[in-house]
Amino acid sequence: MEIAKSQIASKIREAREWKELSQVVMAKKLDIARQTYLDLESGKTEPRITTLLKIALLTGRPLEWFIGDIMVEQGQDNGSHYWQQLSNLYGKLPEPLQTEMLKSHLNQVQACIDYISAPK
């Protein structure tokens, strides 16, 4: 479980930095002491699920993003890591481009579905 704790801690830090929030701001938004938040990011303390859910909401990351790698390593993943990877990549795009690419990809997927569903 030590690996899982350090991976979650790393994801917490990464999500905060991605959202460009300071540790102090995160602690305040979570209504916890700054040191408690530092312990979460360092892996010294394992977050409660309610705290992890709050972090996910504050940073705009899905809850699965924080634990997805762990589930893959333990063989409990059903392909969701690909969705997570895709979501992470989209999240790095500026908003107007993000929306346009999503629309385009949705159209491509729908075209594929229409093609394979067409009577032969």
PDB file of N, CA and C in Angstrom:
ATOM      1  N   MET A   1       0.797  -1.207   0.000  1.00  0.00           N
ATOM      2  CA  MET A   1       0.000   0.000   0.000  1.00  0.00           C
ATOM      3  C   MET A   1       0.840   1.272   0.000  1.00  0.00           C
ATOM      4  N   GLU A   2       2.115   1.157   0.369  1.00  0.00           N
ATOM      5  CA  GLU A   2       2.977   2.335   0.370  1.00  0.00           C
ATOM      6  C   GLU A   2       3.088   2.936  -1.030  1.00  0.00           C
ATOM      7  N   ILE A   3       3.144   2.071  -2.044  1.00  0.00           N
ATOM      8  CA  ILE A   3       3.227   2.559  -3.417  1.00  0.00           C
ATOM      9  C   ILE A   3       1.954   3.313  -3.768  1.00  0.00           C
ATOM     10  N   ALA A   4       0.817   2.746  -3.403  1.00  0.00           N
ATOM     11  CA  ALA A   4      -0.457   3.394  -3.689  1.00  0.00           C
ATOM     12  C   ALA A   4      -0.528   4.766  -3.016  1.00  0.00           C
ATOM     13  N   LYS A   5      -0.077   4.833  -1.770  1.00  0.00           N
ATOM     14  CA  LYS A   5      -0.122   6.099  -1.038  1.00  0.00           C
ATOM     15  C   LYS A   5       0.742   7.153  -1.721  1.00  0.00           C
ATOM     16  N   SER A   6       1.935   6.760  -2.160  1.00  0.00           N
ATOM     17  CA  SER A   6       2.818   7.732  -2.814  1.00  0.00           C
ATOM     18  C   SER A   6       2.277   8.128  -4.190  1.00  0.00           C
ATOM     19  N   GLN A   7       1.627   7.185  -4.896  1.00  0.00           N
ATOM     20  CA  GLN A   7       1.050   7.517  -6.199  1.00  0.00           C
ATOM     21  C   GLN A   7      -0.115   8.492  -6.052  1.00  0.00           C
ATOM     22  N   ILE A   8      -0.955   8.264  -5.058  1.00  0.00           N
ATOM     23  CA  ILE A   8      -2.078   9.170  -4.822  1.00  0.00           C
ATOM     24  C   ILE A   8      -1.552  10.542  -4.417  1.00  0.00           C
ATOM     25  N   ALA A   9      -0.540  10.569  -3.564  1.00  0.00           N
ATOM     26  CA  ALA A   9       0.053  11.844  -3.138  1.00  0.00           C
ATOM     27  C   ALA A   9       0.586  12.614  -4.343  1.00  0.00           C
ATOM     28  N   SER A  10       1.251  11.903  -5.235  1.00  0.00           N
ATOM     29  CA  SER A  10       1.787  12.528  -6.447  1.00  0.00           C
ATOM     30  C   SER A  10       0.668  13.087  -7.320  1.00  0.00           C
ATOM     31  N   LYS A  11      -0.428  12.355  -7.428  1.00  0.00           N
ATOM     32  CA  LYS A  11      -1.568  12.813  -8.226  1.00  0.00           C
ATOM     33  C   LYS A  11      -2.219  14.040  -7.590  1.00  0.00           C
ATOM     34  N   ILE A  12      -2.284  14.066  -6.280  1.00  0.00           N
ATOM     35  CA  ILE A  12      -2.857  15.225  -5.579  1.00  0.00           C
ATOM     36  C   ILE A  12      -2.030  16.466  -5.895  1.00  0.00           C
ATOM     37  N   ARG A  13      -0.711  16.337  -5.785  1.00  0.00           N
ATOM     38  CA  ARG A  13       0.174  17.468  -6.093  1.00  0.00           C
ATOM     39  C   ARG A  13       0.037  17.885  -7.558  1.00  0.00           C
ATOM     40  N   GLU A  14       0.043  16.906  -8.456  1.00  0.00           N
ATOM     41  CA  GLU A  14      -0.064  17.187  -9.886  1.00  0.00           C
ATOM     42  C   GLU A  14      -1.378  17.908 -10.223  1.00  0.00           C
ATOM     43  N   ALA A  15      -2.465  17.462  -9.613  1.00  0.00           N
ATOM     44  CA  ALA A  15      -3.769  18.091  -9.863  1.00  0.00           C
ATOM     45  C   ALA A  15      -3.787  19.532  -9.357  1.00  0.00           C
ATOM     46  N   ARG A  16      -3.212  19.752  -8.181  1.00  0.00           N
ATOM     47  CA  ARG A  16      -3.163  21.115  -7.623  1.00  0.00           C
ATOM     48  C   ARG A  16      -2.346  22.028  -8.518  1.00  0.00           C
ATOM     49  N   GLU A  17      -1.184  21.544  -8.947  1.00  0.00           N
ATOM     50  CA  GLU A  17      -0.319  22.347  -9.804  1.00  0.00           C
ATOM     51  C   GLU A  17      -0.976  22.607 -11.155  1.00  0.00           C
ATOM     52  N   TRP A  18      -1.680  21.612 -11.680  1.00  0.00           N
ATOM     53  CA  TRP A  18      -2.388  21.764 -12.960  1.00  0.00           C
ATOM     54  C   TRP A  18      -3.446  22.862 -12.851  1.00  0.00           C
ATOM     55  N   LYS A  19      -4.088  22.941 -11.689  1.00  0.00           N
ATOM     56  CA  LYS A  19      -5.123  23.952 -11.457  1.00  0.00           C
ATOM     57  C   LYS A  19      -4.494  25.282 -11.034  1.00  0.00           C
ATOM     58  N   GLU A  20      -3.170  25.285 -10.857  1.00  0.00           N
ATOM     59  CA  GLU A  20      -2.409  26.472 -10.467  1.00  0.00           C
ATOM     60  C   GLU A  20      -2.878  27.054  -9.134  1.00  0.00           C
ATOM     61  N   LEU A  21      -3.050  26.163  -8.166  1.00  0.00           N
ATOM     62  CA  LEU A  21      -3.427  26.563  -6.813  1.00  0.00           C
ATOM     63  C   LEU A  21      -2.248  26.322  -5.882  1.00  0.00           C
ATOM     64  N   SER A  22      -2.126  27.162  -4.889  1.00  0.00           N
ATOM     65  CA  SER A  22      -1.061  26.955  -3.906  1.00  0.00           C
ATOM     66  C   SER A  22      -1.523  25.931  -2.870  1.00  0.00           C
ATOM     67  N   GLN A  23      -0.570  25.420  -2.125  1.00  0.00           N
ATOM     68  CA  GLN A  23      -0.905  24.471  -1.068  1.00  0.00           C
ATOM     69  C   GLN A  23      -1.769  25.137   0.000  1.00  0.00           C
ATOM     70  N   VAL A  24      -1.496  26.386   0.281  1.00  0.00           N
ATOM     71  CA  VAL A  24      -2.258  27.127   1.280  1.00  0.00           C
ATOM     72  C   VAL A  24      -3.716  27.272   0.829  1.00  0.00           C
ATOM     73  N   VAL A  25      -3.913  27.624  -0.432  1.00  0.00           N
ATOM     74  CA  VAL A  25      -5.269  27.775  -0.969  1.00  0.00           C
ATOM     75  C   VAL A  25      -6.010  26.444  -0.922  1.00  0.00           C
ATOM     76  N   MET A  26      -5.335  25.369  -1.305  1.00  0.00           N
ATOM     77  CA  MET A  26      -5.976  24.046  -1.271  1.00  0.00           C
ATOM     78  C   MET A  26      -6.388  23.684   0.153  1.00  0.00           C
ATOM     79  N   ALA A  27      -5.503  23.918   1.098  1.00  0.00           N
ATOM     80  CA  ALA A  27      -5.823  23.604   2.491  1.00  0.00           C
ATOM     81  C   ALA A  27      -7.045  24.392   2.957  1.00  0.00           C
ATOM     82  N   LYS A  28      -7.099  25.662   2.604  1.00  0.00           N
ATOM     83  CA  LYS A  28      -8.243  26.492   2.992  1.00  0.00           C
ATOM     84  C   LYS A  28      -9.529  25.996   2.343  1.00  0.00           C
ATOM     85  N   LYS A  29      -9.466  25.685   1.058  1.00  0.00           N
ATOM     86  CA  LYS A  29     -10.655  25.216   0.352  1.00  0.00           C
ATOM     87  C   LYS A  29     -11.141  23.861   0.884  1.00  0.00           C
ATOM     88  N   LEU A  30     -10.207  23.055   1.364  1.00  0.00           N
ATOM     89  CA  LEU A  30     -10.552  21.753   1.927  1.00  0.00           C
ATOM     90  C   LEU A  30     -10.928  21.847   3.404  1.00  0.00           C
ATOM     91  N   ASP A  31     -10.721  23.022   3.966  1.00  0.00           N
ATOM     92  CA  ASP A  31     -10.993  23.276   5.379  1.00  0.00           C
ATOM     93  C   ASP A  31     -10.168  22.341   6.284  1.00  0.00           C
ATOM     94  N   ILE A  32      -8.874  22.256   5.938  1.00  0.00           N
ATOM     95  CA  ILE A  32      -7.944  21.481   6.754  1.00  0.00           C
ATOM     96  C   ILE A  32      -6.708  22.336   7.016  1.00  0.00           C
ATOM     97  N   ALA A  33      -5.930  21.937   7.985  1.00  0.00           N
ATOM     98  CA  ALA A  33      -4.695  22.668   8.296  1.00  0.00           C
ATOM     99  C   ALA A  33      -3.701  22.526   7.141  1.00  0.00           C
ATOM    100  N   ARG A  34      -2.883  23.542   6.977  1.00  0.00           N
ATOM    101  CA  ARG A  34      -1.881  23.516   5.906  1.00  0.00           C
ATOM    102  C   ARG A  34      -0.975  22.297   6.043  1.00  0.00           C
ATOM    103  N   GLN A  35      -0.549  22.004   7.266  1.00  0.00           N
ATOM    104  CA  GLN A  35       0.333  20.857   7.492  1.00  0.00           C
ATOM    105  C   GLN A  35      -0.346  19.546   7.112  1.00  0.00           C
ATOM    106  N   THR A  36      -1.629  19.452   7.391  1.00  0.00           N
ATOM    107  CA  THR A  36      -2.384  18.252   7.018  1.00  0.00           C
ATOM    108  C   THR A  36      -2.377  18.093   5.502  1.00  0.00           C
ATOM    109  N   TYR A  37      -2.556  19.211   4.794  1.00  0.00           N
ATOM    110  CA  TYR A  37      -2.521  19.143   3.334  1.00  0.00           C
ATOM    111  C   TYR A  37      -1.120  18.756   2.841  1.00  0.00           C
ATOM    112  N   LEU A  38      -0.091  19.338   3.445  1.00  0.00           N
ATOM    113  CA  LEU A  38       1.287  18.986   3.072  1.00  0.00           C
ATOM    114  C   LEU A  38       1.539  17.490   3.282  1.00  0.00           C
ATOM    115  N   ASP A  39       0.979  16.940   4.353  1.00  0.00           N
ATOM    116  CA  ASP A  39       1.133  15.512   4.620  1.00  0.00           C
ATOM    117  C   ASP A  39       0.444  14.675   3.548  1.00  0.00           C
ATOM    118  N   LEU A  40      -0.678  15.157   3.015  1.00  0.00           N
ATOM    119  CA  LEU A  40      -1.367  14.445   1.927  1.00  0.00           C
ATOM    120  C   LEU A  40      -0.508  14.432   0.668  1.00  0.00           C
ATOM    121  N   GLU A  41       0.066  15.583   0.337  1.00  0.00           N
ATOM    122  CA  GLU A  41       0.890  15.690  -0.875  1.00  0.00           C
ATOM    123  C   GLU A  41       2.212  14.949  -0.768  1.00  0.00           C
ATOM    124  N   SER A  42       2.716  14.812   0.426  1.00  0.00           N
ATOM    125  CA  SER A  42       4.002  14.122   0.602  1.00  0.00           C
ATOM    126  C   SER A  42       3.820  12.608   0.732  1.00  0.00           C
ATOM    127  N   GLY A  43       2.584  12.180   0.936  1.00  0.00           N
ATOM    128  CA  GLY A  43       2.326  10.761   1.105  1.00  0.00           C
ATOM    129  C   GLY A  43       2.461  10.295   2.542  1.00  0.00           C
ATOM    130  N   LYS A  44       2.701  11.228   3.437  1.00  0.00           N
ATOM    131  CA  LYS A  44       2.826  10.883   4.854  1.00  0.00           C
ATOM    132  C   LYS A  44       1.477  10.418   5.408  1.00  0.00           C
ATOM    133  N   THR A  45       0.411  11.022   4.890  1.00  0.00           N
ATOM    134  CA  THR A  45      -0.947  10.683   5.316  1.00  0.00           C
ATOM    135  C   THR A  45      -1.755  10.262   4.103  1.00  0.00           C
ATOM    136  N   GLU A  46      -2.556   9.229   4.266  1.00  0.00           N
ATOM    137  CA  GLU A  46      -3.451   8.779   3.203  1.00  0.00           C
ATOM    138  C   GLU A  46      -4.752   9.572   3.292  1.00  0.00           C
ATOM    139  N   PRO A  47      -5.247  10.077   2.171  1.00  0.00           N
ATOM    140  CA  PRO A  47      -6.481  10.876   2.245  1.00  0.00           C
ATOM    141  C   PRO A  47      -7.710   9.998   2.464  1.00  0.00           C
ATOM    142  N   ARG A  48      -8.669  10.546   3.180  1.00  0.00           N
ATOM    143  CA  ARG A  48      -9.976   9.899   3.262  1.00  0.00           C
ATOM    144  C   ARG A  48     -10.625  10.033   1.900  1.00  0.00           C
ATOM    145  N   ILE A  49     -11.549   9.163   1.612  1.00  0.00           N
ATOM    146  CA  ILE A  49     -12.224   9.215   0.320  1.00  0.00           C
ATOM    147  C   ILE A  49     -12.980  10.533   0.162  1.00  0.00           C
ATOM    148  N   THR A  50     -13.542  11.054   1.248  1.00  0.00           N
ATOM    149  CA  THR A  50     -14.263  12.329   1.162  1.00  0.00           C
ATOM    150  C   THR A  50     -13.312  13.477   0.829  1.00  0.00           C
ATOM    151  N   THR A  51     -12.114  13.433   1.382  1.00  0.00           N
ATOM    152  CA  THR A  51     -11.117  14.463   1.078  1.00  0.00           C
ATOM    153  C   THR A  51     -10.660  14.339  -0.373  1.00  0.00           C
ATOM    154  N   LEU A  52     -10.434  13.119  -0.825  1.00  0.00           N
ATOM    155  CA  LEU A  52     -10.015  12.910  -2.207  1.00  0.00           C
ATOM    156  C   LEU A  52     -11.102  13.372  -3.175  1.00  0.00           C
ATOM    157  N   LEU A  53     -12.354  13.141  -2.821  1.00  0.00           N
ATOM    158  CA  LEU A  53     -13.461  13.602  -3.656  1.00  0.00           C
ATOM    159  C   LEU A  53     -13.493  15.128  -3.718  1.00  0.00           C
ATOM    160  N   LYS A  54     -13.264  15.785  -2.585  1.00  0.00           N
ATOM    161  CA  LYS A  54     -13.219  17.255  -2.576  1.00  0.00           C
ATOM    162  C   LYS A  54     -12.068  17.762  -3.450  1.00  0.00           C
ATOM    163  N   ILE A  55     -10.918  17.103  -3.356  1.00  0.00           N
ATOM    164  CA  ILE A  55      -9.770  17.498  -4.173  1.00  0.00           C
ATOM    165  C   ILE A  55     -10.107  17.339  -5.650  1.00  0.00           C
ATOM    166  N   ALA A  56     -10.756  16.234  -5.987  1.00  0.00           N
ATOM    167  CA  ALA A  56     -11.162  16.001  -7.377  1.00  0.00           C
ATOM    168  C   ALA A  56     -12.093  17.118  -7.862  1.00  0.00           C
ATOM    169  N   LEU A  57     -13.043  17.489  -7.049  1.00  0.00           N
ATOM    170  CA  LEU A  57     -13.975  18.559  -7.432  1.00  0.00           C
ATOM    171  C   LEU A  57     -13.265  19.910  -7.569  1.00  0.00           C
ATOM    172  N   LEU A  58     -12.369  20.201  -6.646  1.00  0.00           N
ATOM    173  CA  LEU A  58     -11.641  21.478  -6.676  1.00  0.00           C
ATOM    174  C   LEU A  58     -10.713  21.601  -7.876  1.00  0.00           C
ATOM    175  N   THR A  59     -10.139  20.474  -8.273  1.00  0.00           N
ATOM    176  CA  THR A  59      -9.151  20.519  -9.358  1.00  0.00           C
ATOM    177  C   THR A  59      -9.740  20.172 -10.718  1.00  0.00           C
ATOM    178  N   GLY A  60     -10.985  19.729 -10.729  1.00  0.00           N
ATOM    179  CA  GLY A  60     -11.612  19.386 -11.999  1.00  0.00           C
ATOM    180  C   GLY A  60     -11.139  18.056 -12.562  1.00  0.00           C
ATOM    181  N   ARG A  61     -10.544  17.249 -11.735  1.00  0.00           N
ATOM    182  CA  ARG A  61     -10.089  15.912 -12.157  1.00  0.00           C
ATOM    183  C   ARG A  61     -11.111  14.891 -11.663  1.00  0.00           C
ATOM    184  N   PRO A  62     -11.395  13.876 -12.473  1.00  0.00           N
ATOM    185  CA  PRO A  62     -12.301  12.834 -11.989  1.00  0.00           C
ATOM    186  C   PRO A  62     -11.639  12.015 -10.876  1.00  0.00           C
ATOM    187  N   LEU A  63     -12.424  11.530  -9.971  1.00  0.00           N
ATOM    188  CA  LEU A  63     -11.901  10.753  -8.852  1.00  0.00           C
ATOM    189  C   LEU A  63     -11.049   9.580  -9.335  1.00  0.00           C
ATOM    190  N   GLU A  64     -11.464   8.949 -10.418  1.00  0.00           N
ATOM    191  CA  GLU A  64     -10.734   7.802 -10.948  1.00  0.00           C
ATOM    192  C   GLU A  64      -9.316   8.166 -11.367  1.00  0.00           C
ATOM    193  N   TRP A  65      -9.097   9.421 -11.724  1.00  0.00           N
ATOM    194  CA  TRP A  65      -7.773   9.866 -12.163  1.00  0.00           C
ATOM    195  C   TRP A  65      -6.736   9.670 -11.056  1.00  0.00           C
ATOM    196  N   PHE A  66      -7.172   9.851  -9.827  1.00  0.00           N
ATOM    197  CA  PHE A  66      -6.253   9.745  -8.694  1.00  0.00           C
ATOM    198  C   PHE A  66      -5.862   8.304  -8.398  1.00  0.00           C
ATOM    199  N   ILE A  67      -6.709   7.354  -8.762  1.00  0.00           N
ATOM    200  CA  ILE A  67      -6.448   5.951  -8.419  1.00  0.00           C
ATOM    201  C   ILE A  67      -6.339   5.046  -9.639  1.00  0.00           C
ATOM    202  N   GLY A  68      -6.490   5.578 -10.827  1.00  0.00           N
ATOM    203  CA  GLY A  68      -6.490   4.776 -12.045  1.00  0.00           C
ATOM    204  C   GLY A  68      -5.246   3.946 -12.248  1.00  0.00           C
ATOM    205  N   ASP A  69      -4.076   4.520 -12.036  1.00  0.00           N
ATOM    206  CA  ASP A  69      -2.816   3.785 -12.224  1.00  0.00           C
ATOM    207  C   ASP A  69      -2.716   2.607 -11.259  1.00  0.00           C
ATOM    208  N   ILE A  70      -3.212   2.801 -10.066  1.00  0.00           N
ATOM    209  CA  ILE A  70      -3.158   1.755  -9.051  1.00  0.00           C
ATOM    210  C   ILE A  70      -4.051   0.586  -9.475  1.00  0.00           C
ATOM    211  N   MET A  71      -5.232   0.910 -10.000  1.00  0.00           N
ATOM    212  CA  MET A  71      -6.161  -0.130 -10.431  1.00  0.00           C
ATOM    213  C   MET A  71      -5.578  -0.922 -11.602  1.00  0.00           C
ATOM    214  N   VAL A  72      -4.890  -0.238 -12.519  1.00  0.00           N
ATOM    215  CA  VAL A  72      -4.270  -0.918 -13.657  1.00  0.00           C
ATOM    216  C   VAL A  72      -3.206  -1.892 -13.154  1.00  0.00           C
ATOM    217  N   GLU A  73      -2.368  -1.437 -12.213  1.00  0.00           N
ATOM    218  CA  GLU A  73      -1.307  -2.276 -11.673  1.00  0.00           C
ATOM    219  C   GLU A  73      -1.866  -3.512 -10.977  1.00  0.00           C
ATOM    220  N   GLN A  74      -3.029  -3.380 -10.366  1.00  0.00           N
ATOM    221  CA  GLN A  74      -3.627  -4.495  -9.640  1.00  0.00           C
ATOM    222  C   GLN A  74      -4.571  -5.304 -10.514  1.00  0.00           C
ATOM    223  N   GLY A  75      -4.616  -5.002 -11.802  1.00  0.00           N
ATOM    224  CA  GLY A  75      -5.439  -5.759 -12.727  1.00  0.00           C
ATOM    225  C   GLY A  75      -6.922  -5.525 -12.583  1.00  0.00           C
ATOM    226  N   GLN A  76      -7.324  -4.400 -12.016  1.00  0.00           N
ATOM    227  CA  GLN A  76      -8.729  -4.106 -11.791  1.00  0.00           C
ATOM    228  C   GLN A  76      -9.274  -3.098 -12.794  1.00  0.00           C
ATOM    229  N   ASP A  77      -8.552  -2.822 -13.828  1.00  0.00           N
ATOM    230  CA  ASP A  77      -8.966  -1.810 -14.789  1.00  0.00           C
ATOM    231  C   ASP A  77      -9.626  -2.470 -15.988  1.00  0.00           C
ATOM    232  N   ASN A  78     -10.638  -1.831 -16.516  1.00  0.00           N
ATOM    233  CA  ASN A  78     -11.347  -2.370 -17.678  1.00  0.00           C
ATOM    234  C   ASN A  78     -11.171  -1.463 -18.890  1.00  0.00           C
ATOM    235  N   GLY A  79     -10.036  -0.804 -18.980  1.00  0.00           N
ATOM    236  CA  GLY A  79      -9.793   0.106 -20.092  1.00  0.00           C
ATOM    237  C   GLY A  79     -10.001   1.561 -19.722  1.00  0.00           C
ATOM    238  N   SER A  80     -10.413   1.811 -18.487  1.00  0.00           N
ATOM    239  CA  SER A  80     -10.682   3.192 -18.088  1.00  0.00           C
ATOM    240  C   SER A  80      -9.415   4.042 -18.086  1.00  0.00           C
ATOM    241  N   HIS A  81      -8.248   3.397 -18.003  1.00  0.00           N
ATOM    242  CA  HIS A  81      -7.011   4.183 -18.019  1.00  0.00           C
ATOM    243  C   HIS A  81      -6.845   4.890 -19.367  1.00  0.00           C
ATOM    244  N   TYR A  82      -7.386   4.310 -20.439  1.00  0.00           N
ATOM    245  CA  TYR A  82      -7.322   4.990 -21.736  1.00  0.00           C
ATOM    246  C   TYR A  82      -8.202   6.241 -21.728  1.00  0.00           C
ATOM    247  N   TRP A  83      -9.373   6.107 -21.119  1.00  0.00           N
ATOM    248  CA  TRP A  83     -10.265   7.277 -21.007  1.00  0.00           C
ATOM    249  C   TRP A  83      -9.612   8.350 -20.150  1.00  0.00           C
ATOM    250  N   GLN A  84      -8.955   7.910 -19.093  1.00  0.00           N
ATOM    251  CA  GLN A  84      -8.274   8.832 -18.208  1.00  0.00           C
ATOM    252  C   GLN A  84      -7.151   9.561 -18.929  1.00  0.00           C
ATOM    253  N   GLN A  85      -6.392   8.801 -19.713  1.00  0.00           N
ATOM    254  CA  GLN A  85      -5.289   9.378 -20.481  1.00  0.00           C
ATOM    255  C   GLN A  85      -5.829  10.401 -21.475  1.00  0.00           C
ATOM    256  N   LEU A  86      -6.909  10.050 -22.147  1.00  0.00           N
ATOM    257  CA  LEU A  86      -7.523  10.955 -23.103  1.00  0.00           C
ATOM    258  C   LEU A  86      -8.026  12.221 -22.409  1.00  0.00           C
ATOM    259  N   SER A  87      -8.668  12.048 -21.281  1.00  0.00           N
ATOM    260  CA  SER A  87      -9.166  13.189 -20.508  1.00  0.00           C
ATOM    261  C   SER A  87      -8.018  14.095 -20.071  1.00  0.00           C
ATOM    262  N   ASN A  88      -6.934  13.502 -19.624  1.00  0.00           N
ATOM    263  CA  ASN A  88      -5.770  14.290 -19.198  1.00  0.00           C
ATOM    264  C   ASN A  88      -5.192  15.095 -20.357  1.00  0.00           C
ATOM    265  N   LEU A  89      -5.119  14.467 -21.519  1.00  0.00           N
ATOM    266  CA  LEU A  89      -4.588  15.176 -22.686  1.00  0.00           C
ATOM    267  C   LEU A  89      -5.502  16.322 -23.096  1.00  0.00           C
ATOM    268  N   TYR A  90      -6.797  16.060 -23.127  1.00  0.00           N
ATOM    269  CA  TYR A  90      -7.744  17.132 -23.451  1.00  0.00           C
ATOM    270  C   TYR A  90      -7.621  18.286 -22.454  1.00  0.00           C
ATOM    271  N   GLY A  91      -7.405  17.940 -21.192  1.00  0.00           N
ATOM    272  CA  GLY A  91      -7.291  18.958 -20.153  1.00  0.00           C
ATOM    273  C   GLY A  91      -6.107  19.890 -20.333  1.00  0.00           C
ATOM    274  N   LYS A  92      -5.128  19.467 -21.104  1.00  0.00           N
ATOM    275  CA  LYS A  92      -3.949  20.301 -21.340  1.00  0.00           C
ATOM    276  C   LYS A  92      -4.149  21.291 -22.483  1.00  0.00           C
ATOM    277  N   LEU A  93      -5.247  21.122 -23.204  1.00  0.00           N
ATOM    278  CA  LEU A  93      -5.525  22.013 -24.339  1.00  0.00           C
ATOM    279  C   LEU A  93      -6.237  23.268 -23.864  1.00  0.00           C
ATOM    280  N   PRO A  94      -6.023  24.396 -24.542  1.00  0.00           N
ATOM    281  CA  PRO A  94      -6.796  25.598 -24.204  1.00  0.00           C
ATOM    282  C   PRO A  94      -8.274  25.350 -24.538  1.00  0.00           C
ATOM    283  N   GLU A  95      -9.154  25.984 -23.796  1.00  0.00           N
ATOM    284  CA  GLU A  95     -10.584  25.716 -23.881  1.00  0.00           C
ATOM    285  C   GLU A  95     -11.173  25.770 -25.291  1.00  0.00           C
ATOM    286  N   PRO A  96     -10.963  26.793 -26.097  1.00  0.00           N
ATOM    287  CA  PRO A  96     -11.630  26.779 -27.407  1.00  0.00           C
ATOM    288  C   PRO A  96     -11.205  25.577 -28.262  1.00  0.00           C
ATOM    289  N   LEU A  97      -9.917  25.241 -28.219  1.00  0.00           N
ATOM    290  CA  LEU A  97      -9.421  24.107 -28.996  1.00  0.00           C
ATOM    291  C   LEU A  97      -9.960  22.794 -28.429  1.00  0.00           C
ATOM    292  N   GLN A  98     -10.028  22.713 -27.112  1.00  0.00           N
ATOM    293  CA  GLN A  98     -10.556  21.531 -26.438  1.00  0.00           C
ATOM    294  C   GLN A  98     -11.978  21.223 -26.929  1.00  0.00           C
ATOM    295  N   THR A  99     -12.829  22.209 -26.955  1.00  0.00           N
ATOM    296  CA  THR A  99     -14.220  22.038 -27.386  1.00  0.00           C
ATOM    297  C   THR A  99     -14.299  21.636 -28.848  1.00  0.00           C
ATOM    298  N   GLU A 100     -13.538  22.283 -29.684  1.00  0.00           N
ATOM    299  CA  GLU A 100     -13.566  21.967 -31.115  1.00  0.00           C
ATOM    300  C   GLU A 100     -13.077  20.548 -31.392  1.00  0.00           C
ATOM    301  N   MET A 101     -12.018  20.144 -30.695  1.00  0.00           N
ATOM    302  CA  MET A 101     -11.506  18.784 -30.901  1.00  0.00           C
ATOM    303  C   MET A 101     -12.496  17.744 -30.397  1.00  0.00           C
ATOM    304  N   LEU A 102     -13.139  18.019 -29.283  1.00  0.00           N
ATOM    305  CA  LEU A 102     -14.148  17.094 -28.767  1.00  0.00           C
ATOM    306  C   LEU A 102     -15.294  16.930 -29.764  1.00  0.00           C
ATOM    307  N   LYS A 103     -15.763  18.034 -30.301  1.00  0.00           N
ATOM    308  CA  LYS A 103     -16.841  17.969 -31.300  1.00  0.00           C
ATOM    309  C   LYS A 103     -16.403  17.148 -32.507  1.00  0.00           C
ATOM    310  N   SER A 104     -15.203  17.404 -32.975  1.00  0.00           N
ATOM    311  CA  SER A 104     -14.675  16.697 -34.134  1.00  0.00           C
ATOM    312  C   SER A 104     -14.560  15.194 -33.863  1.00  0.00           C
ATOM    313  N   HIS A 105     -14.031  14.853 -32.704  1.00  0.00           N
ATOM    314  CA  HIS A 105     -13.867  13.440 -32.370  1.00  0.00           C
ATOM    315  C   HIS A 105     -15.210  12.752 -32.170  1.00  0.00           C
ATOM    316  N   LEU A 106     -16.168  13.453 -31.590  1.00  0.00           N
ATOM    317  CA  LEU A 106     -17.501  12.877 -31.455  1.00  0.00           C
ATOM    318  C   LEU A 106     -18.107  12.589 -32.823  1.00  0.00           C
ATOM    319  N   ASN A 107     -17.921  13.501 -33.745  1.00  0.00           N
ATOM    320  CA  ASN A 107     -18.422  13.292 -35.113  1.00  0.00           C
ATOM    321  C   ASN A 107     -17.739  12.098 -35.775  1.00  0.00           C
ATOM    322  N   GLN A 108     -16.435  11.951 -35.546  1.00  0.00           N
ATOM    323  CA  GLN A 108     -15.699  10.818 -36.121  1.00  0.00           C
ATOM    324  C   GLN A 108     -16.195   9.492 -35.549  1.00  0.00           C
ATOM    325  N   VAL A 109     -16.410   9.458 -34.253  1.00  0.00           N
ATOM    326  CA  VAL A 109     -16.897   8.228 -33.624  1.00  0.00           C
ATOM    327  C   VAL A 109     -18.296   7.899 -34.136  1.00  0.00           C
ATOM    328  N   GLN A 110     -19.142   8.921 -34.247  1.00  0.00           N
ATOM    329  CA  GLN A 110     -20.493   8.684 -34.750  1.00  0.00           C
ATOM    330  C   GLN A 110     -20.455   8.173 -36.190  1.00  0.00           C
ATOM    331  N   ALA A 111     -19.557   8.712 -36.998  1.00  0.00           N
ATOM    332  CA  ALA A 111     -19.418   8.244 -38.386  1.00  0.00           C
ATOM    333  C   ALA A 111     -18.993   6.773 -38.416  1.00  0.00           C
ATOM    334  N   CYS A 112     -18.094   6.380 -37.531  1.00  0.00           N
ATOM    335  CA  CYS A 112     -17.680   4.974 -37.456  1.00  0.00           C
ATOM    336  C   CYS A 112     -18.854   4.084 -37.049  1.00  0.00           C
ATOM    337  N   ILE A 113     -19.616   4.520 -36.074  1.00  0.00           N
ATOM    338  CA  ILE A 113     -20.782   3.747 -35.632  1.00  0.00           C
ATOM    339  C   ILE A 113     -21.792   3.619 -36.762  1.00  0.00           C
ATOM    340  N   ASP A 114     -22.043   4.719 -37.461  1.00  0.00           N
ATOM    341  CA  ASP A 114     -22.970   4.685 -38.589  1.00  0.00           C
ATOM    342  C   ASP A 114     -22.481   3.725 -39.669  1.00  0.00           C
ATOM    343  N   TYR A 115     -21.184   3.723 -39.927  1.00  0.00           N
ATOM    344  CA  TYR A 115     -20.611   2.870 -40.967  1.00  0.00           C
ATOM    345  C   TYR A 115     -20.763   1.382 -40.620  1.00  0.00           C
ATOM    346  N   ILE A 116     -20.393   1.035 -39.377  1.00  0.00           N
ATOM    347  CA  ILE A 116     -20.455  -0.383 -39.012  1.00  0.00           C
ATOM    348  C   ILE A 116     -21.890  -0.855 -38.772  1.00  0.00           C
ATOM    349  N   SER A 117     -22.806   0.077 -38.537  1.00  0.00           N
ATOM    350  CA  SER A 117     -24.208  -0.273 -38.303  1.00  0.00           C
ATOM    351  C   SER A 117     -25.023  -0.313 -39.589  1.00  0.00           C
ATOM    352  N   ALA A 118     -24.468   0.197 -40.672  1.00  0.00           N
ATOM    353  CA  ALA A 118     -25.204   0.256 -41.946  1.00  0.00           C
ATOM    354  C   ALA A 118     -25.466  -1.153 -42.461  1.00  0.00           C
ATOM    355  N   PRO A 119     -26.646  -1.354 -43.047  1.00  0.00           N
ATOM    356  CA  PRO A 119     -26.943  -2.679 -43.622  1.00  0.00           C
ATOM    357  C   PRO A 119     -25.955  -2.994 -44.740  1.00  0.00           C
ATOM    358  N   LYS A 120     -25.570  -4.243 -44.797  1.00  0.00           N
ATOM    359  CA  LYS A 120     -24.594  -4.685 -45.808  1.00  0.00           C
ATOM    360  C   LYS A 120     -25.287  -5.127 -47.060  1.00  0.00           C
TER     361      LYS A 120
END
